[in-house]
């Protein structure tokens, strides 16, 4: 039998995977995404959106383009 803390960790891990999936689906439909798009899409704060995108960059899923920082947008890292 799993303890409650195990279930909590699993649920949050799944949420992150689901969030990445939503970002990738958005990219498939729109070709680029901004941090503000991610904030709206996931209902998260500016700093949370930035961290999600940084992790996706580190994992090689997306890459940052445009002028930094205001004109930055993210595309698939094929």
PDB file of N, CA and C in Angstrom:
ATOM      1  N   UNK A   1       0.847  -1.189   0.000  1.00  0.00           N
ATOM      2  CA  UNK A   1       0.000   0.000   0.000  1.00  0.00           C
ATOM      3  C   UNK A   1       0.886   1.244   0.000  1.00  0.00           C
ATOM      4  N   UNK A   2       0.547   2.187  -0.861  1.00  0.00           N
ATOM      5  CA  UNK A   2       1.336   3.404  -0.954  1.00  0.00           C
ATOM      6  C   UNK A   2       0.912   4.416   0.104  1.00  0.00           C
ATOM      7  N   UNK A   3       1.897   5.125   0.659  1.00  0.00           N
ATOM      8  CA  UNK A   3       1.604   6.183   1.617  1.00  0.00           C
ATOM      9  C   UNK A   3       1.120   7.434   0.920  1.00  0.00           C
ATOM     10  N   UNK A   4       0.562   8.331   1.673  1.00  0.00           N
ATOM     11  CA  UNK A   4       0.044   9.560   1.087  1.00  0.00           C
ATOM     12  C   UNK A   4       1.144  10.404   0.464  1.00  0.00           C
ATOM     13  N   UNK A   5       2.332  10.453   1.072  1.00  0.00           N
ATOM     14  CA  UNK A   5       3.405  11.284   0.520  1.00  0.00           C
ATOM     15  C   UNK A   5       3.837  10.760  -0.853  1.00  0.00           C
ATOM     16  N   UNK A   6       3.840   9.433  -1.055  1.00  0.00           N
ATOM     17  CA  UNK A   6       4.172   8.871  -2.364  1.00  0.00           C
ATOM     18  C   UNK A   6       3.165   9.313  -3.418  1.00  0.00           C
ATOM     19  N   UNK A   7       1.904   9.276  -3.058  1.00  0.00           N
ATOM     20  CA  UNK A   7       0.860   9.693  -3.985  1.00  0.00           C
ATOM     21  C   UNK A   7       0.977  11.160  -4.347  1.00  0.00           C
ATOM     22  N   UNK A   8       1.334  11.983  -3.366  1.00  0.00           N
ATOM     23  CA  UNK A   8       1.506  13.415  -3.613  1.00  0.00           C
ATOM     24  C   UNK A   8       2.634  13.654  -4.603  1.00  0.00           C
ATOM     25  N   UNK A   9       3.762  12.997  -4.406  1.00  0.00           N
ATOM     26  CA  UNK A   9       4.909  13.159  -5.301  1.00  0.00           C
ATOM     27  C   UNK A   9       4.551  12.687  -6.697  1.00  0.00           C
ATOM     28  N   UNK A  10       3.906  11.559  -6.805  1.00  0.00           N
ATOM     29  CA  UNK A  10       3.510  11.047  -8.119  1.00  0.00           C
ATOM     30  C   UNK A  10       2.561  12.004  -8.828  1.00  0.00           C
ATOM     31  N   UNK A  11       1.590  12.537  -8.104  1.00  0.00           N
ATOM     32  CA  UNK A  11       0.626  13.449  -8.717  1.00  0.00           C
ATOM     33  C   UNK A  11       1.315  14.699  -9.240  1.00  0.00           C
ATOM     34  N   UNK A  12       2.236  15.252  -8.491  1.00  0.00           N
ATOM     35  CA  UNK A  12       2.928  16.454  -8.944  1.00  0.00           C
ATOM     36  C   UNK A  12       3.869  16.163 -10.099  1.00  0.00           C
ATOM     37  N   UNK A  13       4.479  15.001 -10.120  1.00  0.00           N
ATOM     38  CA  UNK A  13       5.315  14.613 -11.258  1.00  0.00           C
ATOM     39  C   UNK A  13       4.492  14.505 -12.527  1.00  0.00           C
ATOM     40  N   UNK A  14       3.330  13.949 -12.423  1.00  0.00           N
ATOM     41  CA  UNK A  14       2.440  13.808 -13.569  1.00  0.00           C
ATOM     42  C   UNK A  14       1.983  15.180 -14.047  1.00  0.00           C
ATOM     43  N   UNK A  15       1.699  16.079 -13.112  1.00  0.00           N
ATOM     44  CA  UNK A  15       1.285  17.429 -13.489  1.00  0.00           C
ATOM     45  C   UNK A  15       2.351  18.104 -14.341  1.00  0.00           C
ATOM     46  N   UNK A  16       3.615  17.960 -13.980  1.00  0.00           N
ATOM     47  CA  UNK A  16       4.693  18.580 -14.754  1.00  0.00           C
ATOM     48  C   UNK A  16       4.769  17.988 -16.154  1.00  0.00           C
ATOM     49  N   UNK A  17       4.606  16.685 -16.256  1.00  0.00           N
ATOM     50  CA  UNK A  17       4.616  16.033 -17.568  1.00  0.00           C
ATOM     51  C   UNK A  17       3.437  16.537 -18.391  1.00  0.00           C
ATOM     52  N   UNK A  18       2.287  16.641 -17.776  1.00  0.00           N
ATOM     53  CA  UNK A  18       1.091  17.127 -18.461  1.00  0.00           C
ATOM     54  C   UNK A  18       1.288  18.579 -18.907  1.00  0.00           C
ATOM     55  N   UNK A  19       1.910  19.390 -18.047  1.00  0.00           N
ATOM     56  CA  UNK A  19       2.169  20.786 -18.406  1.00  0.00           C
ATOM     57  C   UNK A  19       3.110  20.882 -19.596  1.00  0.00           C
ATOM     58  N   UNK A  20       4.173  20.085 -19.602  1.00  0.00           N
ATOM     59  CA  UNK A  20       5.083  20.080 -20.749  1.00  0.00           C
ATOM     60  C   UNK A  20       4.350  19.661 -22.010  1.00  0.00           C
ATOM     61  N   UNK A  21       3.465  18.681 -21.879  1.00  0.00           N
ATOM     62  CA  UNK A  21       2.670  18.231 -23.022  1.00  0.00           C
ATOM     63  C   UNK A  21       1.793  19.344 -23.573  1.00  0.00           C
ATOM     64  N   UNK A  22       1.185  20.138 -22.683  1.00  0.00           N
ATOM     65  CA  UNK A  22       0.353  21.255 -23.126  1.00  0.00           C
ATOM     66  C   UNK A  22       1.186  22.309 -23.854  1.00  0.00           C
ATOM     67  N   UNK A  23       2.383  22.579 -23.342  1.00  0.00           N
ATOM     68  CA  UNK A  23       3.267  23.541 -23.999  1.00  0.00           C
ATOM     69  C   UNK A  23       3.658  23.025 -25.379  1.00  0.00           C
ATOM     70  N   UNK A  24       3.981  21.746 -25.477  1.00  0.00           N
ATOM     71  CA  UNK A  24       4.374  21.175 -26.765  1.00  0.00           C
ATOM     72  C   UNK A  24       3.194  21.168 -27.742  1.00  0.00           C
ATOM     73  N   UNK A  25       1.988  20.914 -27.253  1.00  0.00           N
ATOM     74  CA  UNK A  25       0.792  20.977 -28.111  1.00  0.00           C
ATOM     75  C   UNK A  25       0.574  22.403 -28.611  1.00  0.00           C
ATOM     76  N   UNK A  26       0.769  23.381 -27.728  1.00  0.00           N
ATOM     77  CA  UNK A  26       0.645  24.779 -28.123  1.00  0.00           C
ATOM     78  C   UNK A  26       1.653  25.097 -29.217  1.00  0.00           C
ATOM     79  N   UNK A  27       2.883  24.627 -29.049  1.00  0.00           N
ATOM     80  CA  UNK A  27       3.927  24.857 -30.056  1.00  0.00           C
ATOM     81  C   UNK A  27       3.580  24.191 -31.382  1.00  0.00           C
ATOM     82  N   UNK A  28       2.977  23.035 -31.343  1.00  0.00           N
ATOM     83  CA  UNK A  28       2.589  22.350 -32.576  1.00  0.00           C
ATOM     84  C   UNK A  28       1.542  23.169 -33.338  1.00  0.00           C
ATOM     85  N   UNK A  29       0.677  23.841 -32.609  1.00  0.00           N
ATOM     86  CA  UNK A  29      -0.387  24.619 -33.231  1.00  0.00           C
ATOM     87  C   UNK A  29       0.048  26.031 -33.620  1.00  0.00           C
ATOM     88  N   UNK A  30       1.004  26.608 -32.885  1.00  0.00           N
ATOM     89  CA  UNK A  30       1.354  28.016 -33.075  1.00  0.00           C
ATOM     90  C   UNK A  30       2.807  28.272 -33.465  1.00  0.00           C
ATOM     91  N   UNK A  31       3.645  27.280 -33.473  1.00  0.00           N
ATOM     92  CA  UNK A  31       5.059  27.341 -33.856  1.00  0.00           C
ATOM     93  C   UNK A  31       5.967  28.065 -32.869  1.00  0.00           C
ATOM     94  N   UNK A  32       5.428  28.984 -32.055  1.00  0.00           N
ATOM     95  CA  UNK A  32       6.244  29.615 -31.024  1.00  0.00           C
ATOM     96  C   UNK A  32       5.365  29.941 -29.821  1.00  0.00           C
ATOM     97  N   UNK A  33       6.013  30.071 -28.674  1.00  0.00           N
ATOM     98  CA  UNK A  33       5.302  30.352 -27.434  1.00  0.00           C
ATOM     99  C   UNK A  33       6.125  31.365 -26.640  1.00  0.00           C
ATOM    100  N   UNK A  34       5.450  32.235 -25.918  1.00  0.00           N
ATOM    101  CA  UNK A  34       6.135  33.182 -25.046  1.00  0.00           C
ATOM    102  C   UNK A  34       5.924  32.764 -23.595  1.00  0.00           C
ATOM    103  N   UNK A  35       6.682  33.381 -22.702  1.00  0.00           N
ATOM    104  CA  UNK A  35       6.504  33.102 -21.285  1.00  0.00           C
ATOM    105  C   UNK A  35       5.088  33.472 -20.865  1.00  0.00           C
ATOM    106  N   UNK A  36       4.583  34.587 -21.381  1.00  0.00           N
ATOM    107  CA  UNK A  36       3.211  35.006 -21.047  1.00  0.00           C
ATOM    108  C   UNK A  36       2.181  33.990 -21.528  1.00  0.00           C
ATOM    109  N   UNK A  37       2.426  33.387 -22.691  1.00  0.00           N
ATOM    110  CA  UNK A  37       1.533  32.333 -23.179  1.00  0.00           C
ATOM    111  C   UNK A  37       1.502  31.176 -22.191  1.00  0.00           C
ATOM    112  N   UNK A  38       2.691  30.798 -21.694  1.00  0.00           N
ATOM    113  CA  UNK A  38       2.788  29.680 -20.752  1.00  0.00           C
ATOM    114  C   UNK A  38       2.073  30.028 -19.446  1.00  0.00           C
ATOM    115  N   UNK A  39       2.228  31.262 -18.982  1.00  0.00           N
ATOM    116  CA  UNK A  39       1.519  31.703 -17.774  1.00  0.00           C
ATOM    117  C   UNK A  39       0.010  31.504 -17.942  1.00  0.00           C
ATOM    118  N   UNK A  40      -0.519  31.983 -19.063  1.00  0.00           N
ATOM    119  CA  UNK A  40      -1.964  31.886 -19.322  1.00  0.00           C
ATOM    120  C   UNK A  40      -2.416  30.446 -19.525  1.00  0.00           C
ATOM    121  N   UNK A  41      -1.646  29.701 -20.298  1.00  0.00           N
ATOM    122  CA  UNK A  41      -1.996  28.325 -20.619  1.00  0.00           C
ATOM    123  C   UNK A  41      -2.084  27.446 -19.372  1.00  0.00           C
ATOM    124  N   UNK A  42      -1.108  27.613 -18.464  1.00  0.00           N
ATOM    125  CA  UNK A  42      -1.036  26.748 -17.286  1.00  0.00           C
ATOM    126  C   UNK A  42      -1.598  27.384 -16.021  1.00  0.00           C
ATOM    127  N   UNK A  43      -1.890  28.680 -16.073  1.00  0.00           N
ATOM    128  CA  UNK A  43      -2.398  29.363 -14.883  1.00  0.00           C
ATOM    129  C   UNK A  43      -1.355  29.443 -13.785  1.00  0.00           C
ATOM    130  N   UNK A  44      -0.112  29.780 -14.169  1.00  0.00           N
ATOM    131  CA  UNK A  44       0.989  29.840 -13.209  1.00  0.00           C
ATOM    132  C   UNK A  44       1.615  31.229 -13.229  1.00  0.00           C
ATOM    133  N   UNK A  45       2.499  31.481 -12.274  1.00  0.00           N
ATOM    134  CA  UNK A  45       3.139  32.788 -12.159  1.00  0.00           C
ATOM    135  C   UNK A  45       4.255  32.964 -13.194  1.00  0.00           C
ATOM    136  N   UNK A  46       4.736  34.191 -13.298  1.00  0.00           N
ATOM    137  CA  UNK A  46       5.824  34.536 -14.214  1.00  0.00           C
ATOM    138  C   UNK A  46       7.072  33.706 -13.916  1.00  0.00           C
ATOM    139  N   UNK A  47       7.433  33.607 -12.634  1.00  0.00           N
ATOM    140  CA  UNK A  47       8.642  32.855 -12.276  1.00  0.00           C
ATOM    141  C   UNK A  47       8.470  31.352 -12.513  1.00  0.00           C
ATOM    142  N   UNK A  48       7.281  30.824 -12.273  1.00  0.00           N
ATOM    143  CA  UNK A  48       7.035  29.407 -12.533  1.00  0.00           C
ATOM    144  C   UNK A  48       7.117  29.113 -14.026  1.00  0.00           C
ATOM    145  N   UNK A  49       6.566  30.003 -14.840  1.00  0.00           N
ATOM    146  CA  UNK A  49       6.608  29.820 -16.293  1.00  0.00           C
ATOM    147  C   UNK A  49       8.058  29.858 -16.781  1.00  0.00           C
ATOM    148  N   UNK A  50       8.837  30.788 -16.257  1.00  0.00           N
ATOM    149  CA  UNK A  50      10.249  30.892 -16.629  1.00  0.00           C
ATOM    150  C   UNK A  50      10.994  29.605 -16.278  1.00  0.00           C
ATOM    151  N   UNK A  51      10.749  29.088 -15.073  1.00  0.00           N
ATOM    152  CA  UNK A  51      11.416  27.844 -14.648  1.00  0.00           C
ATOM    153  C   UNK A  51      11.011  26.654 -15.523  1.00  0.00           C
ATOM    154  N   UNK A  52       9.714  26.557 -15.872  1.00  0.00           N
ATOM    155  CA  UNK A  52       9.262  25.457 -16.746  1.00  0.00           C
ATOM    156  C   UNK A  52       9.999  25.515 -18.076  1.00  0.00           C
ATOM    157  N   UNK A  53      10.076  26.710 -18.648  1.00  0.00           N
ATOM    158  CA  UNK A  53      10.730  26.862 -19.942  1.00  0.00           C
ATOM    159  C   UNK A  53      12.230  26.590 -19.838  1.00  0.00           C
ATOM    160  N   UNK A  54      12.867  27.027 -18.754  1.00  0.00           N
ATOM    161  CA  UNK A  54      14.295  26.750 -18.563  1.00  0.00           C
ATOM    162  C   UNK A  54      14.558  25.246 -18.480  1.00  0.00           C
ATOM    163  N   UNK A  55      13.688  24.526 -17.789  1.00  0.00           N
ATOM    164  CA  UNK A  55      13.843  23.068 -17.685  1.00  0.00           C
ATOM    165  C   UNK A  55      13.654  22.405 -19.044  1.00  0.00           C
ATOM    166  N   UNK A  56      12.722  22.918 -19.830  1.00  0.00           N
ATOM    167  CA  UNK A  56      12.486  22.351 -21.160  1.00  0.00           C
ATOM    168  C   UNK A  56      13.666  22.650 -22.091  1.00  0.00           C
ATOM    169  N   UNK A  57      14.302  23.804 -21.914  1.00  0.00           N
ATOM    170  CA  UNK A  57      15.509  24.129 -22.681  1.00  0.00           C
ATOM    171  C   UNK A  57      16.623  23.162 -22.292  1.00  0.00           C
ATOM    172  N   UNK A  58      16.816  22.974 -20.993  1.00  0.00           N
ATOM    173  CA  UNK A  58      17.863  22.072 -20.503  1.00  0.00           C
ATOM    174  C   UNK A  58      17.653  20.642 -20.981  1.00  0.00           C
ATOM    175  N   UNK A  59      16.392  20.252 -21.133  1.00  0.00           N
ATOM    176  CA  UNK A  59      16.067  18.896 -21.589  1.00  0.00           C
ATOM    177  C   UNK A  59      16.131  18.777 -23.112  1.00  0.00           C
ATOM    178  N   UNK A  60      16.380  19.898 -23.802  1.00  0.00           N
ATOM    179  CA  UNK A  60      16.484  19.867 -25.255  1.00  0.00           C
ATOM    180  C   UNK A  60      15.147  19.809 -25.979  1.00  0.00           C
ATOM    181  N   UNK A  61      14.072  20.194 -25.295  1.00  0.00           N
ATOM    182  CA  UNK A  61      12.742  20.149 -25.912  1.00  0.00           C
ATOM    183  C   UNK A  61      12.403  21.436 -26.645  1.00  0.00           C
ATOM    184  N   UNK A  62      12.861  22.571 -26.110  1.00  0.00           N
ATOM    185  CA  UNK A  62      12.622  23.861 -26.747  1.00  0.00           C
ATOM    186  C   UNK A  62      13.916  24.659 -26.750  1.00  0.00           C
ATOM    187  N   UNK A  63      13.938  25.708 -27.574  1.00  0.00           N
ATOM    188  CA  UNK A  63      15.074  26.626 -27.558  1.00  0.00           C
ATOM    189  C   UNK A  63      14.538  28.046 -27.590  1.00  0.00           C
ATOM    190  N   UNK A  64      15.302  28.948 -26.968  1.00  0.00           N
ATOM    191  CA  UNK A  64      14.918  30.356 -26.899  1.00  0.00           C
ATOM    192  C   UNK A  64      15.430  31.081 -28.133  1.00  0.00           C
ATOM    193  N   UNK A  65      14.606  31.968 -28.655  1.00  0.00           N
ATOM    194  CA  UNK A  65      14.981  32.795 -29.800  1.00  0.00           C
ATOM    195  C   UNK A  65      14.470  34.202 -29.566  1.00  0.00           C
ATOM    196  N   UNK A  66      14.863  35.116 -30.423  1.00  0.00           N
ATOM    197  CA  UNK A  66      14.435  36.500 -30.313  1.00  0.00           C
ATOM    198  C   UNK A  66      15.402  37.308 -29.475  1.00  0.00           C
ATOM    199  N   UNK A  67      15.081  38.591 -29.302  1.00  0.00           N
ATOM    200  CA  UNK A  67      15.949  39.462 -28.516  1.00  0.00           C
ATOM    201  C   UNK A  67      15.643  39.272 -27.034  1.00  0.00           C
ATOM    202  N   UNK A  68      16.674  39.212 -26.250  1.00  0.00           N
ATOM    203  CA  UNK A  68      16.503  38.948 -24.814  1.00  0.00           C
ATOM    204  C   UNK A  68      16.437  40.256 -24.064  1.00  0.00           C
ATOM    205  N   UNK A  69      15.651  40.398 -23.019  1.00  0.00           N
ATOM    206  CA  UNK A  69      14.680  39.438 -22.517  1.00  0.00           C
ATOM    207  C   UNK A  69      13.268  39.666 -23.053  1.00  0.00           C
ATOM    208  N   UNK A  70      12.936  40.885 -23.451  1.00  0.00           N
ATOM    209  CA  UNK A  70      11.541  41.196 -23.799  1.00  0.00           C
ATOM    210  C   UNK A  70      11.031  40.501 -25.052  1.00  0.00           C
ATOM    211  N   UNK A  71      11.872  40.296 -26.033  1.00  0.00           N
ATOM    212  CA  UNK A  71      11.405  39.704 -27.279  1.00  0.00           C
ATOM    213  C   UNK A  71      11.625  38.213 -27.364  1.00  0.00           C
ATOM    214  N   UNK A  72      11.904  37.577 -26.243  1.00  0.00           N
ATOM    215  CA  UNK A  72      12.191  36.154 -26.244  1.00  0.00           C
ATOM    216  C   UNK A  72      10.926  35.336 -26.502  1.00  0.00           C
ATOM    217  N   UNK A  73      11.076  34.352 -27.368  1.00  0.00           N
ATOM    218  CA  UNK A  73      10.016  33.375 -27.590  1.00  0.00           C
ATOM    219  C   UNK A  73      10.699  32.015 -27.713  1.00  0.00           C
ATOM    220  N   UNK A  74       9.915  30.977 -27.650  1.00  0.00           N
ATOM    221  CA  UNK A  74      10.452  29.614 -27.612  1.00  0.00           C
ATOM    222  C   UNK A  74       9.861  28.794 -28.747  1.00  0.00           C
ATOM    223  N   UNK A  75      10.709  27.990 -29.340  1.00  0.00           N
ATOM    224  CA  UNK A  75      10.310  27.118 -30.444  1.00  0.00           C
ATOM    225  C   UNK A  75      10.765  25.698 -30.123  1.00  0.00           C
ATOM    226  N   UNK A  76      10.207  24.739 -30.864  1.00  0.00           N
ATOM    227  CA  UNK A  76      10.630  23.344 -30.700  1.00  0.00           C
ATOM    228  C   UNK A  76      12.103  23.219 -31.061  1.00  0.00           C
ATOM    229  N   UNK A  77      12.814  22.413 -30.313  1.00  0.00           N
ATOM    230  CA  UNK A  77      14.237  22.181 -30.561  1.00  0.00           C
ATOM    231  C   UNK A  77      14.397  20.869 -31.312  1.00  0.00           C
ATOM    232  N   UNK A  78      14.022  20.856 -32.570  1.00  0.00           N
ATOM    233  CA  UNK A  78      14.077  19.625 -33.378  1.00  0.00           C
ATOM    234  C   UNK A  78      15.464  19.227 -33.664  1.00  0.00           C
TER     235      UNK A  78
END
